Amino acid sequence: MSLADGQIPGEPAEPGPAPGRRPPAAPAAPATTGAPAPGRDEDASPEACAEGAARRGRPRSEGVERAVFDAVIGLLEGGVALGDVSIERIARTAGVGKATIYRRWAGKEDLLVELIRSVEPPDPELPGTSVRDDLVVLLEFMLRRGLAKRTSALLRNMFAQMQTHPRLWDQYHRTAIEPRRRLGIEVLERGVAAGEIRADLDLELVNDLFVGPLLLRTVLQPDADLPPDLPARVADTILDGVRPRG
């Protein structure tokens, strides 16, 4: 048997079939998983890349993500407008293929939102000990986020430009702002169930009352003093007004 017939060098050839008998069919080759298709183009279409990523379950590479994030930061710090930061330009600056980016993010909006969230403070874990404690933790997060926006030129630049890019702003609002807002309302709902907050109140409005002072001092008054005990003071002041009446 020749090597072309499957013989491994150094091993004796297997005996052939008996005369007059048809040789048995070769077993089917096992399916491969995770190997790229032969001749795959690194700059394939996003749809093909997404399909391939789902099929292979390719894990994320922190090195690639860091290179892509650094490329975006470098472009923005170099004066490139947010609208001119394309996937092609990011890929070229990061030294990766477009398909590499599309395997990790559905598009530019997803990539930029994840970059923003990587620079912002991480979302808080609520202690669950009391409604007051949970509210203070949420407000402390807003305080840290406000301070980060003050000190980070990248965040200031991106948030300033996001207002003129509705798709990017909607994506950030849907994936970052709304979940945080929902979390605050859930804390207030627990307060109502525990009898700490009146049941006749509009909790959307009450949530705005908690959030408003932090937004005022971090966004509308960027030079305002932000004492570390501000979250606790805001929580105590508003809770005093929304408790059940005696």
C-alpha atoms as a PDB file:
ATOM      1  CA  MET A   1       0.000   0.000   0.000  1.00  0.00           C
ATOM      2  CA  SER A   2       1.402   3.437  -0.880  1.00  0.00           C
ATOM      3  CA  LEU A   3       1.493   6.494   1.364  1.00  0.00           C
ATOM      4  CA  ALA A   4      -1.238   7.955  -0.799  1.00  0.00           C
ATOM      5  CA  ASP A   5      -3.396   5.040   0.326  1.00  0.00           C
ATOM      6  CA  GLY A   6      -2.947   5.980   3.955  1.00  0.00           C
ATOM      7  CA  GLN A   7       0.108   3.921   5.062  1.00  0.00           C
ATOM      8  CA  ILE A   8       2.047   5.546   7.917  1.00  0.00           C
ATOM      9  CA  PRO A   9       5.813   5.612   7.308  1.00  0.00           C
ATOM     10  CA  GLY A  10       7.640   3.030   9.419  1.00  0.00           C
ATOM     11  CA  GLU A  11       4.635   0.726   9.867  1.00  0.00           C
ATOM     12  CA  PRO A  12       4.140  -2.527   7.980  1.00  0.00           C
ATOM     13  CA  ALA A  13       1.522  -2.538   5.299  1.00  0.00           C
ATOM     14  CA  GLU A  14      -1.753  -4.189   6.239  1.00  0.00           C
ATOM     15  CA  PRO A  15      -2.650  -7.355   4.325  1.00  0.00           C
ATOM     16  CA  GLY A  16      -4.851  -6.720   1.324  1.00  0.00           C
ATOM     17  CA  PRO A  17      -8.302  -8.219   0.901  1.00  0.00           C
ATOM     18  CA  ALA A  18      -8.688 -11.840  -0.103  1.00  0.00           C
ATOM     19  CA  PRO A  19      -8.818 -12.428  -3.860  1.00  0.00           C
ATOM     20  CA  GLY A  20     -12.287 -11.982  -5.278  1.00  0.00           C
ATOM     21  CA  ARG A  21     -13.547  -9.960  -2.329  1.00  0.00           C
ATOM     22  CA  ARG A  22     -14.349  -6.264  -2.420  1.00  0.00           C
ATOM     23  CA  PRO A  23     -12.259  -4.319   0.083  1.00  0.00           C
ATOM     24  CA  PRO A  24     -14.274  -2.902   3.008  1.00  0.00           C
ATOM     25  CA  ALA A  25     -15.358   0.753   2.727  1.00  0.00           C
ATOM     26  CA  ALA A  26     -13.103   3.233   4.505  1.00  0.00           C
ATOM     27  CA  PRO A  27     -14.637   4.668   7.703  1.00  0.00           C
ATOM     28  CA  ALA A  28     -15.983   8.190   7.423  1.00  0.00           C
ATOM     29  CA  ALA A  29     -13.565  10.862   8.561  1.00  0.00           C
ATOM     30  CA  PRO A  30     -14.543  12.446  11.898  1.00  0.00           C
ATOM     31  CA  ALA A  31     -15.990  15.939  11.696  1.00  0.00           C
ATOM     32  CA  THR A  32     -13.554  18.659  12.584  1.00  0.00           C
ATOM     33  CA  THR A  33     -14.385  21.406  15.029  1.00  0.00           C
ATOM     34  CA  GLY A  34     -12.758  24.768  15.355  1.00  0.00           C
ATOM     35  CA  ALA A  35     -10.586  24.570  12.225  1.00  0.00           C
ATOM     36  CA  PRO A  36     -11.005  27.333   9.690  1.00  0.00           C
ATOM     37  CA  ALA A  37     -12.226  26.362   6.264  1.00  0.00           C
ATOM     38  CA  PRO A  38      -9.449  25.990   3.689  1.00  0.00           C
ATOM     39  CA  GLY A  39      -8.683  29.210   1.903  1.00  0.00           C
ATOM     40  CA  ARG A  40     -10.734  31.333   4.321  1.00  0.00           C
ATOM     41  CA  ASP A  41     -10.189  35.029   3.727  1.00  0.00           C
ATOM     42  CA  GLU A  42      -9.475  36.998   6.884  1.00  0.00           C
ATOM     43  CA  ASP A  43     -11.422  39.912   5.408  1.00  0.00           C
ATOM     44  CA  ALA A  44     -14.558  37.884   4.742  1.00  0.00           C
ATOM     45  CA  SER A  45     -17.978  39.511   5.047  1.00  0.00           C
ATOM     46  CA  PRO A  46     -19.369  40.250   8.553  1.00  0.00           C
ATOM     47  CA  GLU A  47     -22.190  37.766   7.975  1.00  0.00           C
ATOM     48  CA  ALA A  48     -19.755  34.989   7.147  1.00  0.00           C
ATOM     49  CA  CYS A  49     -17.614  35.905  10.112  1.00  0.00           C
ATOM     50  CA  ALA A  50     -20.570  35.861  12.483  1.00  0.00           C
ATOM     51  CA  GLU A  51     -21.670  32.492  11.155  1.00  0.00           C
ATOM     52  CA  GLY A  52     -18.163  31.117  11.521  1.00  0.00           C
ATOM     53  CA  ALA A  53     -17.803  32.453  15.052  1.00  0.00           C
ATOM     54  CA  ALA A  54     -21.062  30.852  16.121  1.00  0.00           C
ATOM     55  CA  ARG A  55     -20.022  27.561  14.523  1.00  0.00           C
ATOM     56  CA  ARG A  56     -16.587  27.457  16.107  1.00  0.00           C
ATOM     57  CA  GLY A  57     -17.314  29.105  19.457  1.00  0.00           C
ATOM     58  CA  ARG A  58     -13.981  30.937  19.167  1.00  0.00           C
ATOM     59  CA  PRO A  59     -12.938  32.351  22.572  1.00  0.00           C
ATOM     60  CA  ARG A  60     -12.092  35.998  22.912  1.00  0.00           C
ATOM     61  CA  SER A  61      -8.475  37.029  22.938  1.00  0.00           C
ATOM     62  CA  GLU A  62      -7.687  39.719  25.498  1.00  0.00           C
ATOM     63  CA  GLY A  63      -4.625  40.645  23.474  1.00  0.00           C
ATOM     64  CA  VAL A  64      -6.688  41.299  20.359  1.00  0.00           C
ATOM     65  CA  GLU A  65      -9.303  43.269  22.296  1.00  0.00           C
ATOM     66  CA  ARG A  66      -6.622  45.406  23.893  1.00  0.00           C
ATOM     67  CA  ALA A  67      -5.025  46.084  20.515  1.00  0.00           C
ATOM     68  CA  VAL A  68      -8.396  47.079  19.043  1.00  0.00           C
ATOM     69  CA  PHE A  69      -9.277  49.314  22.015  1.00  0.00           C
ATOM     70  CA  ASP A  70      -5.838  50.949  21.885  1.00  0.00           C
ATOM     71  CA  ALA A  71      -6.319  51.573  18.170  1.00  0.00           C
ATOM     72  CA  VAL A  72      -9.643  53.351  18.758  1.00  0.00           C
ATOM     73  CA  ILE A  73      -8.182  55.399  21.608  1.00  0.00           C
ATOM     74  CA  GLY A  74      -5.194  56.345  19.469  1.00  0.00           C
ATOM     75  CA  LEU A  75      -7.441  57.450  16.605  1.00  0.00           C
ATOM     76  CA  LEU A  76      -9.657  59.579  18.846  1.00  0.00           C
ATOM     77  CA  GLU A  77      -6.719  61.112  20.690  1.00  0.00           C
ATOM     78  CA  GLY A  78      -5.180  61.854  17.301  1.00  0.00           C
ATOM     79  CA  GLY A  79      -8.176  64.001  16.401  1.00  0.00           C
ATOM     80  CA  VAL A  80     -10.142  61.553  14.253  1.00  0.00           C
ATOM     81  CA  ALA A  81     -13.870  62.241  14.542  1.00  0.00           C
ATOM     82  CA  LEU A  82     -16.033  59.446  15.920  1.00  0.00           C
ATOM     83  CA  GLY A  83     -17.956  59.244  12.650  1.00  0.00           C
ATOM     84  CA  ASP A  84     -14.719  58.618  10.752  1.00  0.00           C
ATOM     85  CA  VAL A  85     -13.654  55.719  12.986  1.00  0.00           C
ATOM     86  CA  SER A  86     -14.619  52.806  10.729  1.00  0.00           C
ATOM     87  CA  ILE A  87     -14.054  49.089  11.278  1.00  0.00           C
ATOM     88  CA  GLU A  88     -11.613  49.103   8.353  1.00  0.00           C
ATOM     89  CA  ARG A  89      -9.629  51.960   9.874  1.00  0.00           C
ATOM     90  CA  ILE A  90      -9.616  50.341  13.319  1.00  0.00           C
ATOM     91  CA  ALA A  91      -8.426  47.021  11.841  1.00  0.00           C
ATOM     92  CA  ARG A  92      -5.641  48.698   9.902  1.00  0.00           C
ATOM     93  CA  THR A  93      -4.476  50.675  12.958  1.00  0.00           C
ATOM     94  CA  ALA A  94      -4.644  47.648  15.264  1.00  0.00           C
ATOM     95  CA  GLY A  95      -2.866  45.392  12.764  1.00  0.00           C
ATOM     96  CA  VAL A  96      -5.685  42.824  12.599  1.00  0.00           C
ATOM     97  CA  GLY A  97      -8.123  41.716   9.928  1.00  0.00           C
ATOM     98  CA  LYS A  98     -11.663  43.053   9.742  1.00  0.00           C
ATOM     99  CA  ALA A  99     -12.938  39.515  10.243  1.00  0.00           C
ATOM    100  CA  THR A 100     -11.085  39.390  13.572  1.00  0.00           C
ATOM    101  CA  ILE A 101     -13.093  42.397  14.749  1.00  0.00           C
ATOM    102  CA  TYR A 102     -16.404  41.110  13.396  1.00  0.00           C
ATOM    103  CA  ARG A 103     -15.891  37.819  15.232  1.00  0.00           C
ATOM    104  CA  ARG A 104     -15.999  39.778  18.487  1.00  0.00           C
ATOM    105  CA  TRP A 105     -18.375  42.662  17.833  1.00  0.00           C
ATOM    106  CA  ALA A 106     -21.442  42.898  15.592  1.00  0.00           C
ATOM    107  CA  GLY A 107     -20.421  46.352  14.437  1.00  0.00           C
ATOM    108  CA  LYS A 108     -18.781  49.641  15.329  1.00  0.00           C
ATOM    109  CA  GLU A 109     -21.479  50.626  17.835  1.00  0.00           C
ATOM    110  CA  ASP A 110     -21.030  47.439  19.879  1.00  0.00           C
ATOM    111  CA  LEU A 111     -17.260  47.892  19.857  1.00  0.00           C
ATOM    112  CA  LEU A 112     -17.396  51.532  20.987  1.00  0.00           C
ATOM    113  CA  VAL A 113     -19.943  50.851  23.738  1.00  0.00           C
ATOM    114  CA  GLU A 114     -17.757  48.057  25.120  1.00  0.00           C
ATOM    115  CA  LEU A 115     -14.763  50.389  25.017  1.00  0.00           C
ATOM    116  CA  ILE A 116     -16.674  53.033  26.993  1.00  0.00           C
ATOM    117  CA  ARG A 117     -17.767  50.486  29.572  1.00  0.00           C
ATOM    118  CA  SER A 118     -14.194  49.224  29.926  1.00  0.00           C
ATOM    119  CA  VAL A 119     -13.096  52.747  30.899  1.00  0.00           C
ATOM    120  CA  GLU A 120     -16.034  53.462  33.213  1.00  0.00           C
ATOM    121  CA  PRO A 121     -16.092  52.067  36.767  1.00  0.00           C
ATOM    122  CA  PRO A 122     -17.505  48.518  36.897  1.00  0.00           C
ATOM    123  CA  ASP A 123     -21.202  48.166  37.645  1.00  0.00           C
ATOM    124  CA  PRO A 124     -21.809  47.784  41.392  1.00  0.00           C
ATOM    125  CA  GLU A 125     -22.830  44.681  43.284  1.00  0.00           C
ATOM    126  CA  LEU A 126     -25.625  45.514  45.714  1.00  0.00           C
ATOM    127  CA  PRO A 127     -25.169  44.328  49.312  1.00  0.00           C
ATOM    128  CA  GLY A 128     -28.876  43.556  49.721  1.00  0.00           C
ATOM    129  CA  THR A 129     -28.750  44.379  53.446  1.00  0.00           C
ATOM    130  CA  SER A 130     -31.327  47.182  53.205  1.00  0.00           C
ATOM    131  CA  VAL A 131     -32.968  49.458  50.682  1.00  0.00           C
ATOM    132  CA  ARG A 132     -30.907  52.376  51.984  1.00  0.00           C
ATOM    133  CA  ASP A 133     -27.625  50.466  51.642  1.00  0.00           C
ATOM    134  CA  ASP A 134     -28.458  49.425  48.066  1.00  0.00           C
ATOM    135  CA  LEU A 135     -29.396  52.982  47.106  1.00  0.00           C
ATOM    136  CA  VAL A 136     -26.196  54.370  48.608  1.00  0.00           C
ATOM    137  CA  VAL A 137     -24.129  51.855  46.617  1.00  0.00           C
ATOM    138  CA  LEU A 138     -25.915  52.834  43.390  1.00  0.00           C
ATOM    139  CA  LEU A 139     -25.369  56.533  44.074  1.00  0.00           C
ATOM    140  CA  GLU A 140     -21.710  55.942  44.961  1.00  0.00           C
ATOM    141  CA  PHE A 141     -21.326  54.281  41.564  1.00  0.00           C
ATOM    142  CA  MET A 142     -22.789  57.372  39.914  1.00  0.00           C
ATOM    143  CA  LEU A 143     -20.343  59.516  41.865  1.00  0.00           C
ATOM    144  CA  ARG A 144     -17.351  57.422  40.690  1.00  0.00           C
ATOM    145  CA  ARG A 145     -18.652  57.486  37.132  1.00  0.00           C
ATOM    146  CA  GLY A 146     -19.014  61.259  37.273  1.00  0.00           C
ATOM    147  CA  LEU A 147     -15.470  61.635  38.570  1.00  0.00           C
ATOM    148  CA  ALA A 148     -14.206  59.311  35.807  1.00  0.00           C
ATOM    149  CA  LYS A 149     -15.868  61.473  33.162  1.00  0.00           C
ATOM    150  CA  ARG A 150     -14.231  64.545  34.675  1.00  0.00           C
ATOM    151  CA  THR A 151     -10.748  63.049  34.700  1.00  0.00           C
ATOM    152  CA  SER A 152     -10.864  60.972  31.491  1.00  0.00           C
ATOM    153  CA  ALA A 153     -10.354  62.968  28.292  1.00  0.00           C
ATOM    154  CA  LEU A 154     -11.403  59.866  26.355  1.00  0.00           C
ATOM    155  CA  LEU A 155     -14.795  59.660  28.082  1.00  0.00           C
ATOM    156  CA  ARG A 156     -15.402  63.386  27.732  1.00  0.00           C
ATOM    157  CA  ASN A 157     -14.558  63.206  24.036  1.00  0.00           C
ATOM    158  CA  MET A 158     -16.701  60.159  23.338  1.00  0.00           C
ATOM    159  CA  PHE A 159     -19.740  61.352  25.292  1.00  0.00           C
ATOM    160  CA  ALA A 160     -19.564  64.752  23.629  1.00  0.00           C
ATOM    161  CA  GLN A 161     -19.564  63.155  20.176  1.00  0.00           C
ATOM    162  CA  MET A 162     -22.090  60.404  20.980  1.00  0.00           C
ATOM    163  CA  GLN A 163     -24.887  62.959  21.087  1.00  0.00           C
ATOM    164  CA  THR A 164     -24.544  63.439  17.314  1.00  0.00           C
ATOM    165  CA  HIS A 165     -24.521  59.693  16.565  1.00  0.00           C
ATOM    166  CA  PRO A 166     -28.020  58.379  17.398  1.00  0.00           C
ATOM    167  CA  ARG A 167     -27.238  54.709  16.698  1.00  0.00           C
ATOM    168  CA  LEU A 168     -24.274  54.749  19.063  1.00  0.00           C
ATOM    169  CA  TRP A 169     -26.168  56.667  21.738  1.00  0.00           C
ATOM    170  CA  ASP A 170     -29.177  54.317  21.477  1.00  0.00           C
ATOM    171  CA  GLN A 171     -26.892  51.302  21.821  1.00  0.00           C
ATOM    172  CA  TYR A 172     -25.220  52.738  24.913  1.00  0.00           C
ATOM    173  CA  HIS A 173     -28.570  53.746  26.399  1.00  0.00           C
ATOM    174  CA  ARG A 174     -30.039  50.282  25.800  1.00  0.00           C
ATOM    175  CA  THR A 175     -27.089  48.256  27.096  1.00  0.00           C
ATOM    176  CA  ALA A 176     -25.743  50.484  29.892  1.00  0.00           C
ATOM    177  CA  ILE A 177     -28.146  53.171  31.063  1.00  0.00           C
ATOM    178  CA  GLU A 178     -31.426  51.266  30.976  1.00  0.00           C
ATOM    179  CA  PRO A 179     -30.164  48.227  32.959  1.00  0.00           C
ATOM    180  CA  ARG A 180     -28.810  50.552  35.659  1.00  0.00           C
ATOM    181  CA  ARG A 181     -32.065  52.472  35.766  1.00  0.00           C
ATOM    182  CA  ARG A 182     -34.031  49.240  36.016  1.00  0.00           C
ATOM    183  CA  LEU A 183     -31.800  48.143  38.885  1.00  0.00           C
ATOM    184  CA  GLY A 184     -32.608  51.318  40.824  1.00  0.00           C
ATOM    185  CA  ILE A 185     -36.338  50.882  40.313  1.00  0.00           C
ATOM    186  CA  GLU A 186     -36.101  47.262  41.482  1.00  0.00           C
ATOM    187  CA  VAL A 187     -34.475  48.480  44.712  1.00  0.00           C
ATOM    188  CA  LEU A 188     -37.354  50.932  45.213  1.00  0.00           C
ATOM    189  CA  GLU A 189     -39.866  48.153  44.551  1.00  0.00           C
ATOM    190  CA  ARG A 190     -38.247  46.123  47.325  1.00  0.00           C
ATOM    191  CA  GLY A 191     -38.567  49.192  49.535  1.00  0.00           C
ATOM    192  CA  VAL A 192     -42.295  49.333  48.847  1.00  0.00           C
ATOM    193  CA  ALA A 193     -42.652  45.608  49.586  1.00  0.00           C
ATOM    194  CA  ALA A 194     -40.737  46.051  52.855  1.00  0.00           C
ATOM    195  CA  GLY A 195     -42.902  49.000  53.901  1.00  0.00           C
ATOM    196  CA  GLU A 196     -40.009  51.477  53.757  1.00  0.00           C
ATOM    197  CA  ILE A 197     -41.416  53.442  50.799  1.00  0.00           C
ATOM    198  CA  ARG A 198     -45.010  54.516  50.225  1.00  0.00           C
ATOM    199  CA  ALA A 199     -46.895  52.360  47.759  1.00  0.00           C
ATOM    200  CA  ASP A 200     -48.782  55.294  46.201  1.00  0.00           C
ATOM    201  CA  LEU A 201     -45.662  56.869  44.669  1.00  0.00           C
ATOM    202  CA  ASP A 202     -44.507  56.871  41.041  1.00  0.00           C
ATOM    203  CA  LEU A 203     -41.275  54.900  41.378  1.00  0.00           C
ATOM    204  CA  GLU A 204     -39.939  56.156  38.042  1.00  0.00           C
ATOM    205  CA  LEU A 205     -40.192  59.671  39.456  1.00  0.00           C
ATOM    206  CA  VAL A 206     -38.726  58.635  42.808  1.00  0.00           C
ATOM    207  CA  ASN A 207     -35.773  57.070  41.018  1.00  0.00           C
ATOM    208  CA  ASP A 208     -35.232  60.354  39.176  1.00  0.00           C
ATOM    209  CA  LEU A 209     -35.215  62.157  42.519  1.00  0.00           C
ATOM    210  CA  PHE A 210     -32.328  59.965  43.692  1.00  0.00           C
ATOM    211  CA  VAL A 211     -30.388  60.209  40.445  1.00  0.00           C
ATOM    212  CA  GLY A 212     -30.997  63.907  39.786  1.00  0.00           C
ATOM    213  CA  PRO A 213     -28.635  65.448  42.354  1.00  0.00           C
ATOM    214  CA  LEU A 214     -25.717  63.268  41.188  1.00  0.00           C
ATOM    215  CA  LEU A 215     -26.333  64.120  37.536  1.00  0.00           C
ATOM    216  CA  LEU A 216     -26.673  67.818  38.388  1.00  0.00           C
ATOM    217  CA  ARG A 217     -23.340  67.967  40.148  1.00  0.00           C
ATOM    218  CA  THR A 218     -21.381  65.722  37.797  1.00  0.00           C
ATOM    219  CA  VAL A 219     -22.778  66.775  34.408  1.00  0.00           C
ATOM    220  CA  LEU A 220     -24.484  70.159  34.617  1.00  0.00           C
ATOM    221  CA  GLN A 221     -22.105  71.526  37.244  1.00  0.00           C
ATOM    222  CA  PRO A 222     -18.777  69.905  36.370  1.00  0.00           C
ATOM    223  CA  ASP A 223     -16.897  72.135  38.818  1.00  0.00           C
ATOM    224  CA  ALA A 224     -19.258  71.440  41.717  1.00  0.00           C
ATOM    225  CA  ASP A 225     -17.895  69.912  44.892  1.00  0.00           C
ATOM    226  CA  LEU A 226     -18.443  66.140  45.157  1.00  0.00           C
ATOM    227  CA  PRO A 227     -17.952  65.196  48.814  1.00  0.00           C
ATOM    228  CA  PRO A 228     -17.581  61.448  49.397  1.00  0.00           C
ATOM    229  CA  ASP A 229     -20.637  61.360  51.683  1.00  0.00           C
ATOM    230  CA  LEU A 230     -22.899  62.934  49.039  1.00  0.00           C
ATOM    231  CA  PRO A 231     -24.570  59.597  48.075  1.00  0.00           C
ATOM    232  CA  ALA A 232     -25.515  58.848  51.690  1.00  0.00           C
ATOM    233  CA  ARG A 233     -26.838  62.377  52.220  1.00  0.00           C
ATOM    234  CA  VAL A 234     -28.953  62.211  49.062  1.00  0.00           C
ATOM    235  CA  ALA A 235     -30.334  58.771  49.997  1.00  0.00           C
ATOM    236  CA  ASP A 236     -31.220  59.790  53.563  1.00  0.00           C
ATOM    237  CA  THR A 237     -32.850  63.068  52.499  1.00  0.00           C
ATOM    238  CA  ILE A 238     -35.091  61.466  49.874  1.00  0.00           C
ATOM    239  CA  LEU A 239     -35.923  58.364  51.917  1.00  0.00           C
ATOM    240  CA  ASP A 240     -37.094  60.649  54.709  1.00  0.00           C
ATOM    241  CA  GLY A 241     -39.642  62.148  52.313  1.00  0.00           C
ATOM    242  CA  VAL A 242     -40.937  58.907  50.745  1.00  0.00           C
ATOM    243  CA  ARG A 243     -41.421  56.832  53.894  1.00  0.00           C
ATOM    244  CA  PRO A 244     -44.982  55.823  54.823  1.00  0.00           C
ATOM    245  CA  ARG A 245     -46.800  58.552  56.688  1.00  0.00           C
ATOM    246  CA  GLY A 246     -47.445  57.866  60.323  1.00  0.00           C
END
